[in-house]
Amino acid sequence: MNDAAEAWARRAREDLAVARHASQVGWHATACFHAQQSAEKWLKA
């Protein structure tokens, strides 16, 4: 993976971690938003 792709993948992993945490504490709208952002960033990667 090149540097740009790795940067997008790193951001995608961060968004997924936020989504998982938000889901665990009941912040479902926030979880959905960050899950969607993660998916978009994986596509860019």
N, C-alpha and C. Protein backbone atom coordinates (compact mmCIF):
# COMPACT_ATOMS: atom_id res chain seq x y z
N MET A 1 0.85 -1.17 0.00
CA MET A 1 0.00 0.00 0.00
C MET A 1 0.90 1.24 0.00
N ASN A 2 0.58 2.20 -0.84
CA ASN A 2 1.39 3.42 -0.87
C ASN A 2 1.05 4.34 0.31
N ASP A 3 1.81 5.40 0.46
CA ASP A 3 1.65 6.29 1.62
C ASP A 3 0.25 6.92 1.69
N ALA A 4 -0.26 7.36 0.56
CA ALA A 4 -1.59 7.99 0.56
C ALA A 4 -2.67 6.98 0.94
N ALA A 5 -2.58 5.79 0.40
CA ALA A 5 -3.56 4.75 0.73
C ALA A 5 -3.47 4.38 2.20
N GLU A 6 -2.27 4.29 2.73
CA GLU A 6 -2.11 3.96 4.14
C GLU A 6 -2.69 5.06 5.04
N ALA A 7 -2.54 6.30 4.63
CA ALA A 7 -3.12 7.41 5.39
C ALA A 7 -4.64 7.31 5.42
N TRP A 8 -5.25 7.01 4.27
CA TRP A 8 -6.71 6.84 4.23
C TRP A 8 -7.13 5.65 5.08
N ALA A 9 -6.38 4.57 5.01
CA ALA A 9 -6.71 3.37 5.80
C ALA A 9 -6.61 3.67 7.30
N ARG A 10 -5.61 4.43 7.69
CA ARG A 10 -5.45 4.79 9.10
C ARG A 10 -6.66 5.61 9.57
N ARG A 11 -7.08 6.56 8.76
CA ARG A 11 -8.25 7.37 9.12
C ARG A 11 -9.52 6.52 9.16
N ALA A 12 -9.60 5.56 8.25
CA ALA A 12 -10.77 4.66 8.23
C ALA A 12 -10.82 3.82 9.50
N ARG A 13 -9.67 3.32 9.94
CA ARG A 13 -9.63 2.54 11.18
C ARG A 13 -10.02 3.40 12.38
N GLU A 14 -9.59 4.65 12.39
CA GLU A 14 -9.95 5.55 13.48
C GLU A 14 -11.46 5.79 13.51
N ASP A 15 -12.05 6.05 12.35
CA ASP A 15 -13.50 6.26 12.29
C ASP A 15 -14.24 5.01 12.74
N LEU A 16 -13.76 3.84 12.37
CA LEU A 16 -14.41 2.60 12.79
C LEU A 16 -14.32 2.43 14.30
N ALA A 17 -13.19 2.76 14.88
CA ALA A 17 -13.04 2.68 16.34
C ALA A 17 -14.02 3.62 17.03
N VAL A 18 -14.16 4.83 16.51
CA VAL A 18 -15.12 5.78 17.09
C VAL A 18 -16.55 5.24 16.94
N ALA A 19 -16.86 4.67 15.79
CA ALA A 19 -18.19 4.11 15.56
C ALA A 19 -18.49 3.00 16.56
N ARG A 20 -17.52 2.12 16.79
CA ARG A 20 -17.73 1.02 17.73
C ARG A 20 -17.95 1.55 19.15
N HIS A 21 -17.15 2.51 19.55
CA HIS A 21 -17.31 3.07 20.89
C HIS A 21 -18.66 3.77 21.02
N ALA A 22 -19.01 4.57 20.03
CA ALA A 22 -20.28 5.29 20.07
C ALA A 22 -21.45 4.31 20.17
N SER A 23 -21.36 3.22 19.45
CA SER A 23 -22.42 2.21 19.50
C SER A 23 -22.53 1.60 20.89
N GLN A 24 -21.41 1.35 21.52
CA GLN A 24 -21.41 0.73 22.86
C GLN A 24 -22.04 1.63 23.92
N VAL A 25 -21.90 2.94 23.75
CA VAL A 25 -22.46 3.86 24.75
C VAL A 25 -23.84 4.38 24.36
N GLY A 26 -24.37 3.88 23.25
CA GLY A 26 -25.74 4.22 22.86
C GLY A 26 -25.89 5.43 21.96
N TRP A 27 -24.81 5.92 21.43
CA TRP A 27 -24.86 7.07 20.52
C TRP A 27 -24.99 6.56 19.09
N HIS A 28 -26.16 6.09 18.75
CA HIS A 28 -26.35 5.36 17.50
C HIS A 28 -26.22 6.23 16.25
N ALA A 29 -26.71 7.46 16.30
CA ALA A 29 -26.56 8.34 15.13
C ALA A 29 -25.08 8.63 14.87
N THR A 30 -24.33 8.87 15.93
CA THR A 30 -22.89 9.12 15.79
C THR A 30 -22.19 7.88 15.28
N ALA A 31 -22.59 6.72 15.78
CA ALA A 31 -22.00 5.45 15.32
C ALA A 31 -22.24 5.25 13.83
N CYS A 32 -23.46 5.52 13.39
CA CYS A 32 -23.78 5.37 11.96
C CYS A 32 -22.95 6.33 11.10
N PHE A 33 -22.84 7.57 11.55
CA PHE A 33 -22.06 8.55 10.80
C PHE A 33 -20.62 8.10 10.64
N HIS A 34 -19.98 7.68 11.73
CA HIS A 34 -18.58 7.31 11.66
C HIS A 34 -18.37 5.99 10.91
N ALA A 35 -19.33 5.08 10.99
CA ALA A 35 -19.24 3.85 10.20
C ALA A 35 -19.28 4.17 8.71
N GLN A 36 -20.16 5.09 8.33
CA GLN A 36 -20.25 5.50 6.92
C GLN A 36 -18.97 6.20 6.48
N GLN A 37 -18.44 7.06 7.33
CA GLN A 37 -17.19 7.75 7.01
C GLN A 37 -16.06 6.75 6.85
N SER A 38 -16.02 5.75 7.70
CA SER A 38 -15.00 4.71 7.61
C SER A 38 -15.08 3.99 6.26
N ALA A 39 -16.29 3.63 5.87
CA ALA A 39 -16.48 2.93 4.58
C ALA A 39 -16.00 3.79 3.41
N GLU A 40 -16.33 5.06 3.43
CA GLU A 40 -15.88 5.95 2.35
C GLU A 40 -14.35 6.03 2.30
N LYS A 41 -13.73 6.11 3.46
CA LYS A 41 -12.27 6.22 3.50
C LYS A 41 -11.60 4.94 3.05
N TRP A 42 -12.21 3.78 3.37
CA TRP A 42 -11.66 2.52 2.86
C TRP A 42 -11.73 2.48 1.33
N LEU A 43 -12.82 3.00 0.78
CA LEU A 43 -12.92 3.05 -0.68
C LEU A 43 -11.84 3.94 -1.29
N LYS A 44 -11.56 5.07 -0.64
CA LYS A 44 -10.51 5.97 -1.12
C LYS A 44 -9.14 5.34 -1.01
N ALA A 45 -8.96 4.54 0.04
CA ALA A 45 -7.66 3.87 0.23
C ALA A 45 -7.41 2.90 -0.90
